[in-house]
Amino acid sequence: MRFISSRASDPGRTVSFREAVFAGLAPDGGLYVPVEQPDLRAVFGRLSPETPFAELARAVSAALFAGELDGAAVDRIVERAFAFSPRLHPLEEGLHLLELYHGPTCAFKDFGASFLAAVMEEYLQEESRRALILVATSGDTGSAVARAFFRRKNLDVVILYPSGRVSPLQEQQLTTLGENVTALEVLGSFDDCQRLAKQAFLDRELQGLLRLTSANSINLGRLIPQSFYYIYGVVRAGQDADTPVYYCVPSGNFGNLTAGVYAWAWGLPVRGFVAATNRNDVVPEYLRTGDFRPRPSVQTLSNAMDVGNPSNFERLLHAFHRRREDMKSLIRGVPISDADTRQAMRRVYDERGVLLDPHTAVGVLASRRFLRELSGKARLITLATAHPGKFTEIVRETTGVEPDLPESLRAALALPKQAFPLEPSLEALKSFLRGRYA
């Protein structure tokens, strides 16, 4: 695969996967996107419902990166990245949950972060070089990146997170590791964190001082492996020509949905997608009206989706050649309020005995609404993006039940917080990075 900027200011300039991974953003400020989408239907045809996730990831990676990563390198990357797997469970008639929270930080972002860390480590060992990862987080990205890159050779990590706008457990996960992982507590919103990261990548002084790259979903090395679990869900569910498959994706920055669209473009038999958002509904509004109006994010129960200007929307526009009607034919936007989120959490627990985190609850309610509007049979797979234990306070307040904490979450609570406060300005960030890493 070759890649080009989503803004295509220089249509003749394409880059390799390696170049895209370490650059993060393209020189013109755009995001790297595939020049052409490969046809992987033959690869999908060799997979079965019994295929383990790591084997599936190995087969798809070998096909995508043929000519750039040899078989031995792919084997090493997949072995380092995926000691965990998604799990597909039926919730009710026509609706399945694809649980993506069985990784080290109990959130879907473990998949992309672990793969990216393994890829970067592979390349940097080969080159005998060092790199600095700069990442903005609204919650789960930071903890996933912190854990995935912790003690990785030749890699340092700096995480920007909005003060007071992540859950207590998320903050513990991203601020307690130390060593090669540094947390900056930004006195602002996630949009401020994302703006600072983008400005840093475009700053020539910083680029001259540091080998700076990203582990946000702007980085292809994190976004592409997220497509693997879309493939896994469809394969695991089994093929039925009479029952179309849809995915429902709790969406904030829209990287997760973009990964699903890429899998569809490669030939995965998916009929469509439901983009489930909270009150931060700029993409559903665009699908409905044709107007894309970024605005400051609004704080909600599903905080990892509190994004007022989703950066991966630029990739979606590119994938559909900026034709809204084409995007609408594949993607349906469904915004969900906090009150309805709580109601969905209570109802699913009362009816099914299943605890949902607020992000997954947004997806389940959007899925139910979508299924009611469909005529005929359908199978809808909702991405369960985080373990309910990551949002203990909200789950307990809403359902009256205390969720069990996996051991990895309990361990994080016992560690001391290590974070540096930061004003939301580029100069403040540059001063910190120069003092610590230059």
Protein backbone atom coordinates (compact mmCIF):
# COMPACT_ATOMS: atom_id res chain seq x y z
CA MET A 1 0.00 0.00 0.00
CA ARG A 2 1.05 3.57 -0.72
CA PHE A 3 -0.37 6.60 1.03
CA ILE A 4 -1.10 10.23 0.22
CA SER A 5 -2.28 13.29 2.11
CA SER A 6 -6.06 13.66 2.44
CA ARG A 7 -5.57 17.24 1.22
CA ALA A 8 -3.61 16.11 -1.85
CA SER A 9 -1.67 19.36 -2.15
CA ASP A 10 1.04 17.31 -3.91
CA PRO A 11 -0.81 14.47 -5.71
CA GLY A 12 2.44 12.98 -7.01
CA ARG A 13 3.96 12.53 -3.55
CA THR A 14 3.12 9.16 -2.03
CA VAL A 15 4.76 7.56 1.00
CA SER A 16 5.29 4.05 2.36
CA PHE A 17 3.62 2.66 5.48
CA ARG A 18 6.87 3.19 7.41
CA GLU A 19 7.03 6.86 6.39
CA ALA A 20 3.36 7.43 7.22
CA VAL A 21 3.72 5.78 10.64
CA PHE A 22 6.56 8.04 11.76
CA ALA A 23 5.31 11.23 10.12
CA GLY A 24 1.86 11.08 11.72
CA LEU A 25 0.53 14.11 9.80
CA ALA A 26 1.34 14.84 6.17
CA PRO A 27 3.49 17.96 5.51
CA ASP A 28 0.43 19.93 4.35
CA GLY A 29 -1.42 19.19 7.59
CA GLY A 30 -3.59 16.48 6.06
CA LEU A 31 -3.96 12.87 7.19
CA TYR A 32 -2.40 9.98 5.33
CA VAL A 33 -4.93 7.90 3.40
CA PRO A 34 -4.49 4.94 1.01
CA VAL A 35 -3.90 5.84 -2.62
CA GLU A 36 -5.86 2.72 -3.55
CA GLN A 37 -7.80 0.27 -1.42
CA PRO A 38 -6.67 -3.35 -1.88
CA ASP A 39 -9.11 -6.15 -2.65
CA LEU A 40 -8.81 -8.66 0.22
CA ARG A 41 -11.81 -10.85 -0.56
CA ALA A 42 -9.54 -13.83 -1.28
CA VAL A 43 -7.92 -13.40 2.15
CA PHE A 44 -11.31 -13.14 3.85
CA GLY A 45 -12.43 -16.27 2.04
CA ARG A 46 -9.68 -18.30 3.71
CA LEU A 47 -10.84 -17.34 7.20
CA SER A 48 -13.38 -19.32 9.22
CA PRO A 49 -15.40 -18.70 12.40
CA GLU A 50 -12.77 -20.75 14.26
CA THR A 51 -9.82 -18.65 13.05
CA PRO A 52 -8.04 -17.15 16.12
CA PHE A 53 -7.77 -13.36 16.12
CA ALA A 54 -3.96 -13.35 16.02
CA GLU A 55 -3.98 -15.65 12.98
CA LEU A 56 -6.51 -13.38 11.26
CA ALA A 57 -4.40 -10.31 12.07
CA ARG A 58 -1.32 -12.05 10.67
CA ALA A 59 -3.09 -12.96 7.39
CA VAL A 60 -4.53 -9.49 6.83
CA SER A 61 -1.28 -7.72 7.80
CA ALA A 62 0.75 -9.91 5.43
CA ALA A 63 -1.62 -9.00 2.58
CA LEU A 64 -1.75 -5.26 3.35
CA PHE A 65 1.98 -4.77 3.87
CA ALA A 66 3.38 -7.25 1.35
CA GLY A 67 6.64 -5.88 -0.04
CA GLU A 68 7.25 -3.73 3.03
CA LEU A 69 7.17 -6.18 5.95
CA ASP A 70 8.35 -9.74 5.40
CA GLY A 71 6.65 -12.73 6.98
CA ALA A 72 9.05 -12.90 9.92
CA ALA A 73 8.51 -9.21 10.74
CA VAL A 74 4.73 -9.61 10.56
CA ASP A 75 4.95 -12.63 12.88
CA ARG A 76 7.01 -10.66 15.43
CA ILE A 77 4.68 -7.65 15.31
CA VAL A 78 1.50 -9.69 15.73
CA GLU A 79 3.02 -11.81 18.51
CA ARG A 80 4.05 -8.68 20.47
CA ALA A 81 0.77 -6.88 19.81
CA PHE A 82 -2.03 -9.39 20.32
CA ALA A 83 -1.92 -11.49 23.46
CA PHE A 84 -5.67 -10.70 23.68
CA SER A 85 -8.69 -11.05 21.41
CA PRO A 86 -12.18 -9.63 20.82
CA ARG A 87 -15.17 -11.70 21.96
CA LEU A 88 -18.52 -11.84 20.13
CA HIS A 89 -21.65 -12.37 22.24
CA PRO A 90 -25.37 -12.23 21.39
CA LEU A 91 -27.26 -9.61 23.40
CA GLU A 92 -30.75 -10.06 21.96
CA GLU A 93 -32.45 -11.03 18.70
CA GLY A 94 -30.49 -9.54 15.80
CA LEU A 95 -28.03 -7.69 18.06
CA HIS A 96 -24.54 -8.86 19.05
CA LEU A 97 -21.86 -7.20 21.16
CA LEU A 98 -18.27 -7.36 19.94
CA GLU A 99 -16.39 -6.97 23.20
CA LEU A 100 -13.18 -5.04 22.59
CA TYR A 101 -12.17 -4.54 26.22
CA HIS A 102 -10.14 -7.68 26.95
CA GLY A 103 -6.77 -5.99 26.39
CA PRO A 104 -4.41 -4.55 29.01
CA THR A 105 -6.37 -1.29 29.60
CA CYS A 106 -9.85 -2.77 28.97
CA ALA A 107 -10.74 -0.56 26.00
CA PHE A 108 -10.88 -0.98 22.22
CA LYS A 109 -7.91 1.31 21.72
CA ASP A 110 -5.61 -1.42 23.02
CA PHE A 111 -5.79 -3.07 19.59
CA GLY A 112 -4.49 -0.15 17.57
CA ALA A 113 -2.03 1.08 20.20
CA SER A 114 -0.47 -2.34 20.73
CA PHE A 115 -0.03 -2.92 17.00
CA LEU A 116 1.44 0.55 16.45
CA ALA A 117 3.90 0.13 19.33
CA ALA A 118 5.04 -3.23 17.95
CA VAL A 119 5.43 -1.78 14.43
CA MET A 120 7.43 1.23 15.65
CA GLU A 121 9.64 -0.95 17.83
CA GLU A 122 10.32 -3.23 14.84
CA TYR A 123 11.29 -0.32 12.58
CA LEU A 124 13.34 1.56 15.21
CA GLN A 125 15.37 -1.51 16.16
CA GLU A 126 16.14 -2.00 12.49
CA GLU A 127 17.23 1.66 12.14
CA SER A 128 18.92 1.98 15.58
CA ARG A 129 17.02 5.25 16.16
CA ARG A 130 14.78 6.76 18.85
CA ALA A 131 11.38 8.48 18.54
CA LEU A 132 9.08 10.60 20.73
CA ILE A 133 5.36 9.82 20.68
CA LEU A 134 3.05 12.80 21.31
CA VAL A 135 -0.60 11.93 21.79
CA ALA A 136 -3.77 13.81 22.77
CA THR A 137 -6.47 11.88 24.60
CA SER A 138 -10.07 12.31 25.68
CA GLY A 139 -9.75 9.23 27.88
CA ASP A 140 -8.99 5.74 26.63
CA THR A 141 -6.39 6.61 23.97
CA GLY A 142 -3.98 7.87 26.62
CA SER A 143 -4.20 4.82 28.83
CA ALA A 144 -3.96 2.45 25.86
CA VAL A 145 -0.93 4.25 24.43
CA ALA A 146 0.75 4.50 27.85
CA ARG A 147 0.44 0.76 28.41
CA ALA A 148 1.26 -0.26 24.82
CA PHE A 149 4.46 1.83 24.68
CA PHE A 150 5.58 1.32 28.28
CA ARG A 151 9.20 0.13 28.29
CA ARG A 152 9.28 -0.25 24.50
CA LYS A 153 12.82 0.05 23.18
CA ASN A 154 13.85 3.38 21.59
CA LEU A 155 10.50 5.07 22.37
CA ASP A 156 9.42 7.91 24.68
CA VAL A 157 5.77 8.92 25.13
CA VAL A 158 4.14 12.25 26.08
CA ILE A 159 0.36 12.23 26.68
CA LEU A 160 -1.80 15.38 26.67
CA TYR A 161 -5.07 14.99 28.56
CA PRO A 162 -7.75 17.54 29.64
CA SER A 163 -7.72 18.26 33.36
CA GLY A 164 -10.92 17.12 35.09
CA ARG A 165 -12.42 15.67 31.90
CA VAL A 166 -11.37 12.05 32.06
CA SER A 167 -12.67 9.46 34.50
CA PRO A 168 -10.64 8.89 37.70
CA LEU A 169 -9.66 5.41 36.53
CA GLN A 170 -8.64 6.64 33.07
CA GLU A 171 -6.46 9.27 34.73
CA GLN A 172 -4.85 6.63 36.96
CA GLN A 173 -4.07 4.44 33.96
CA LEU A 174 -2.37 7.16 31.95
CA THR A 175 -0.52 8.97 34.76
CA THR A 176 0.97 6.19 36.89
CA LEU A 177 3.47 4.33 34.73
CA GLY A 178 6.42 6.74 34.63
CA GLU A 179 9.77 5.71 33.10
CA ASN A 180 9.41 6.40 29.35
CA VAL A 181 5.77 7.60 29.67
CA THR A 182 5.05 11.24 30.69
CA ALA A 183 1.56 12.67 31.27
CA LEU A 184 0.77 16.39 30.77
CA GLU A 185 -2.43 17.59 32.47
CA VAL A 186 -3.66 20.32 30.10
CA LEU A 187 -5.74 23.09 31.70
CA GLY A 188 -8.38 22.98 28.97
CA SER A 189 -10.55 20.67 26.85
CA PHE A 190 -9.72 17.69 24.65
CA ASP A 191 -10.01 20.01 21.64
CA ASP A 192 -7.18 22.07 23.19
CA CYS A 193 -5.09 18.91 23.58
CA GLN A 194 -5.74 17.89 19.98
CA ARG A 195 -4.93 21.41 18.73
CA LEU A 196 -1.62 21.43 20.63
CA ALA A 197 -0.63 18.05 19.20
CA LYS A 198 -1.40 19.15 15.64
CA GLN A 199 0.49 22.43 16.10
CA ALA A 200 3.51 20.57 17.48
CA PHE A 201 3.65 18.25 14.47
CA LEU A 202 3.65 21.24 12.11
CA ASP A 203 6.25 23.22 14.10
CA ARG A 204 9.56 23.24 12.25
CA GLU A 205 11.64 23.91 15.34
CA LEU A 206 10.28 20.86 17.15
CA GLN A 207 10.59 18.70 14.06
CA GLY A 208 14.24 19.72 13.83
CA LEU A 209 14.94 18.91 17.48
CA LEU A 210 12.96 15.69 17.91
CA ARG A 211 11.79 12.71 15.89
CA LEU A 212 8.20 13.50 16.77
CA THR A 213 5.29 11.24 15.84
CA SER A 214 1.79 10.41 17.03
CA ALA A 215 -0.17 7.46 18.36
CA ASN A 216 -3.57 9.13 17.96
CA SER A 217 -5.98 7.73 15.42
CA ILE A 218 -4.47 10.27 13.01
CA ASN A 219 -1.65 7.70 12.75
CA LEU A 220 -2.30 5.02 10.15
CA GLY A 221 -0.35 2.48 12.18
CA ARG A 222 -3.03 2.65 14.84
CA LEU A 223 -6.05 3.08 12.60
CA ILE A 224 -5.46 0.24 10.12
CA PRO A 225 -5.22 -2.57 12.73
CA GLN A 226 -8.58 -1.45 14.14
CA SER A 227 -10.04 -2.84 10.93
CA PHE A 228 -8.98 -6.33 12.06
CA TYR A 229 -11.75 -6.69 14.62
CA TYR A 230 -14.41 -5.66 12.10
CA ILE A 231 -13.21 -8.54 9.95
CA TYR A 232 -13.13 -10.84 12.99
CA GLY A 233 -16.72 -9.97 13.97
CA VAL A 234 -18.15 -10.74 10.55
CA VAL A 235 -16.14 -13.96 10.16
CA ARG A 236 -16.93 -15.10 13.69
CA ALA A 237 -20.65 -14.48 13.25
CA GLY A 238 -20.69 -16.70 10.14
CA GLN A 239 -21.99 -15.97 6.67
CA ASP A 240 -25.69 -15.86 5.85
CA ALA A 241 -26.49 -14.40 2.45
CA ASP A 242 -30.06 -13.64 3.51
CA THR A 243 -29.08 -11.66 6.60
CA PRO A 244 -27.11 -8.46 5.96
CA VAL A 245 -24.58 -7.37 8.58
CA TYR A 246 -24.37 -3.84 9.97
CA TYR A 247 -21.97 -2.38 12.51
CA CYS A 248 -22.84 0.19 15.16
CA VAL A 249 -19.84 2.25 16.27
CA PRO A 250 -19.84 4.55 19.32
CA SER A 251 -18.07 7.52 17.73
CA GLY A 252 -16.12 10.57 18.88
CA ASN A 253 -13.04 11.27 16.80
CA PHE A 254 -14.31 8.87 14.08
CA GLY A 255 -11.11 6.87 13.70
CA ASN A 256 -12.87 3.66 14.75
CA LEU A 257 -15.61 4.13 12.16
CA THR A 258 -13.04 4.98 9.49
CA ALA A 259 -11.28 1.66 10.16
CA GLY A 260 -14.58 -0.14 9.58
CA VAL A 261 -15.14 1.75 6.33
CA TYR A 262 -11.66 0.68 5.19
CA ALA A 263 -12.49 -2.97 5.92
CA TRP A 264 -15.68 -2.55 3.87
CA ALA A 265 -13.65 -1.01 1.02
CA TRP A 266 -11.35 -4.06 1.09
CA GLY A 267 -14.33 -6.32 0.40
CA LEU A 268 -15.73 -7.17 3.84
CA PRO A 269 -19.45 -7.99 3.35
CA VAL A 270 -20.95 -5.25 5.52
CA ARG A 271 -24.18 -3.55 4.43
CA GLY A 272 -23.68 -0.36 6.44
CA PHE A 273 -22.68 1.42 9.63
CA VAL A 274 -24.44 3.30 12.40
CA ALA A 275 -22.37 6.18 13.80
CA ALA A 276 -23.65 6.52 17.37
CA THR A 277 -22.67 9.81 19.04
CA ASN A 278 -23.57 11.70 22.18
CA ARG A 279 -24.54 15.40 22.13
CA ASN A 280 -21.34 16.09 20.19
CA ASP A 281 -23.11 15.30 16.94
CA VAL A 282 -21.34 17.29 14.22
CA VAL A 283 -21.09 14.26 11.91
CA PRO A 284 -24.75 13.14 12.23
CA GLU A 285 -25.63 16.79 11.57
CA TYR A 286 -23.49 16.76 8.43
CA LEU A 287 -25.14 13.57 7.19
CA ARG A 288 -28.55 15.10 7.82
CA THR A 289 -28.01 18.65 6.50
CA GLY A 290 -24.79 18.71 4.47
CA ASP A 291 -23.25 21.28 6.85
CA PHE A 292 -20.12 20.38 8.79
CA ARG A 293 -19.95 22.80 11.71
CA PRO A 294 -17.13 22.07 14.19
CA ARG A 295 -17.72 23.58 17.62
CA PRO A 296 -16.41 23.31 21.19
CA SER A 297 -17.09 19.91 22.66
CA VAL A 298 -19.79 19.43 25.31
CA GLN A 299 -19.04 17.31 28.37
CA THR A 300 -21.18 14.13 28.60
CA LEU A 301 -21.31 10.76 30.38
CA SER A 302 -19.51 9.16 27.42
CA ASN A 303 -16.46 11.39 27.77
CA ALA A 304 -14.20 9.59 25.29
CA MET A 305 -16.68 10.69 22.59
CA ASP A 306 -16.70 14.37 23.63
CA VAL A 307 -15.16 15.68 20.41
CA GLY A 308 -16.38 18.84 18.72
CA ASN A 309 -14.09 18.68 15.68
CA PRO A 310 -13.39 15.01 14.84
CA SER A 311 -10.07 14.83 13.01
CA ASN A 312 -10.78 11.56 11.17
CA PHE A 313 -13.79 13.09 9.44
CA GLU A 314 -11.25 14.31 6.89
CA ARG A 315 -10.42 10.68 6.09
CA LEU A 316 -14.10 9.80 5.74
CA LEU A 317 -14.60 12.68 3.30
CA HIS A 318 -11.67 11.42 1.25
CA ALA A 319 -12.96 7.83 1.29
CA PHE A 320 -16.27 8.98 -0.21
CA HIS A 321 -14.71 11.52 -2.61
CA ARG A 322 -16.44 14.29 -0.63
CA ARG A 323 -19.84 13.06 -1.82
CA ARG A 324 -22.26 13.26 1.10
CA GLU A 325 -24.86 11.12 -0.65
CA ASP A 326 -22.36 8.27 -1.00
CA MET A 327 -21.46 8.57 2.68
CA LYS A 328 -25.14 8.64 3.65
CA SER A 329 -25.78 5.46 1.67
CA LEU A 330 -23.35 3.59 3.96
CA ILE A 331 -23.44 5.51 7.27
CA ARG A 332 -26.38 6.53 9.44
CA GLY A 333 -25.75 9.03 12.25
CA VAL A 334 -27.69 8.59 15.50
CA PRO A 335 -27.08 11.02 18.41
CA ILE A 336 -28.04 9.86 21.93
CA SER A 337 -28.64 12.06 25.00
CA ASP A 338 -27.18 11.44 28.47
CA ALA A 339 -30.66 10.73 29.86
CA ASP A 340 -31.28 8.09 27.19
CA THR A 341 -27.81 6.66 27.79
CA ARG A 342 -28.62 6.08 31.45
CA GLN A 343 -31.99 4.59 30.54
CA ALA A 344 -30.30 2.17 28.13
CA MET A 345 -27.78 1.12 30.79
CA ARG A 346 -30.58 0.39 33.28
CA ARG A 347 -32.77 -1.39 30.75
CA VAL A 348 -30.02 -3.70 29.44
CA TYR A 349 -29.04 -4.64 32.97
CA ASP A 350 -32.65 -5.21 34.05
CA GLU A 351 -33.55 -7.23 30.95
CA ARG A 352 -30.27 -9.05 30.19
CA GLY A 353 -28.19 -8.84 33.35
CA VAL A 354 -25.42 -7.14 31.33
CA LEU A 355 -23.59 -4.04 32.57
CA LEU A 356 -22.61 -1.55 29.89
CA ASP A 357 -20.21 1.36 30.07
CA PRO A 358 -21.82 4.63 28.84
CA HIS A 359 -20.11 4.53 25.42
CA THR A 360 -21.33 1.03 24.65
CA ALA A 361 -24.79 2.01 25.96
CA VAL A 362 -24.90 4.81 23.37
CA GLY A 363 -24.14 2.18 20.72
CA VAL A 364 -26.73 -0.32 21.97
CA LEU A 365 -29.53 2.25 22.06
CA ALA A 366 -28.61 3.57 18.59
CA SER A 367 -28.56 -0.06 17.36
CA ARG A 368 -32.03 -0.74 18.73
CA ARG A 369 -33.43 2.38 17.10
CA PHE A 370 -31.82 1.48 13.78
CA LEU A 371 -33.08 -2.11 13.88
CA ARG A 372 -36.64 -0.94 14.50
CA GLU A 373 -36.50 1.10 11.29
CA LEU A 374 -35.18 -1.74 9.11
CA SER A 375 -37.49 -3.94 7.11
CA GLY A 376 -36.48 -7.61 6.96
CA LYS A 377 -33.84 -9.61 8.81
CA ALA A 378 -30.52 -8.08 9.78
CA ARG A 379 -27.62 -8.77 12.10
CA LEU A 380 -26.22 -5.74 13.88
CA ILE A 381 -22.87 -5.93 15.67
CA THR A 382 -22.34 -3.19 18.24
CA LEU A 383 -18.80 -2.44 19.31
CA ALA A 384 -18.50 -2.72 23.10
CA THR A 385 -15.67 -0.24 23.44
CA ALA A 386 -14.82 -0.28 27.17
CA HIS A 387 -15.24 -2.43 30.25
CA PRO A 388 -17.96 -1.08 32.59
CA GLY A 389 -15.39 -1.12 35.40
CA LYS A 390 -13.65 1.84 33.74
CA PHE A 391 -16.72 3.92 34.59
CA THR A 392 -17.54 2.54 38.03
CA GLU A 393 -19.15 5.73 39.34
CA ILE A 394 -21.53 6.16 36.40
CA VAL A 395 -22.45 2.47 36.28
CA ARG A 396 -23.11 2.36 40.03
CA GLU A 397 -25.18 5.57 40.02
CA THR A 398 -27.23 4.38 37.05
CA THR A 399 -27.82 0.70 37.79
CA GLY A 400 -27.17 0.41 41.52
CA VAL A 401 -24.60 -2.29 40.75
CA GLU A 402 -20.86 -2.10 41.37
CA PRO A 403 -19.04 -3.53 38.34
CA ASP A 404 -16.19 -5.96 38.96
CA LEU A 405 -12.77 -4.53 38.20
CA PRO A 406 -10.35 -6.64 36.17
CA GLU A 407 -6.98 -7.10 37.84
CA SER A 408 -5.25 -4.66 35.46
CA LEU A 409 -7.64 -1.88 36.53
CA ARG A 410 -7.30 -2.67 40.25
CA ALA A 411 -3.51 -2.51 39.96
CA ALA A 412 -3.63 0.97 38.37
CA LEU A 413 -5.68 2.37 41.28
CA ALA A 414 -2.93 1.54 43.74
CA LEU A 415 -0.20 3.56 41.98
CA PRO A 416 0.68 7.26 42.62
CA LYS A 417 -0.27 9.85 40.01
CA GLN A 418 2.62 11.38 38.05
CA ALA A 419 1.53 14.32 35.85
CA PHE A 420 2.75 17.79 34.97
CA PRO A 421 0.22 20.68 34.64
CA LEU A 422 0.38 22.53 31.31
CA GLU A 423 -1.23 25.73 30.03
CA PRO A 424 -3.01 25.12 26.69
CA SER A 425 -0.48 27.00 24.53
CA LEU A 426 2.03 25.78 21.97
CA GLU A 427 4.82 27.76 23.65
CA ALA A 428 4.19 26.01 26.97
CA LEU A 429 4.31 22.61 25.26
CA LYS A 430 7.45 23.47 23.29
CA SER A 431 9.19 24.67 26.45
CA PHE A 432 8.42 21.39 28.21
CA LEU A 433 9.52 19.20 25.30
CA ARG A 434 12.74 21.17 24.74
CA GLY A 435 13.64 20.98 28.43
CA ARG A 436 13.00 17.25 28.75
CA TYR A 437 13.91 15.67 25.41
CA ALA A 438 16.04 18.01 23.27
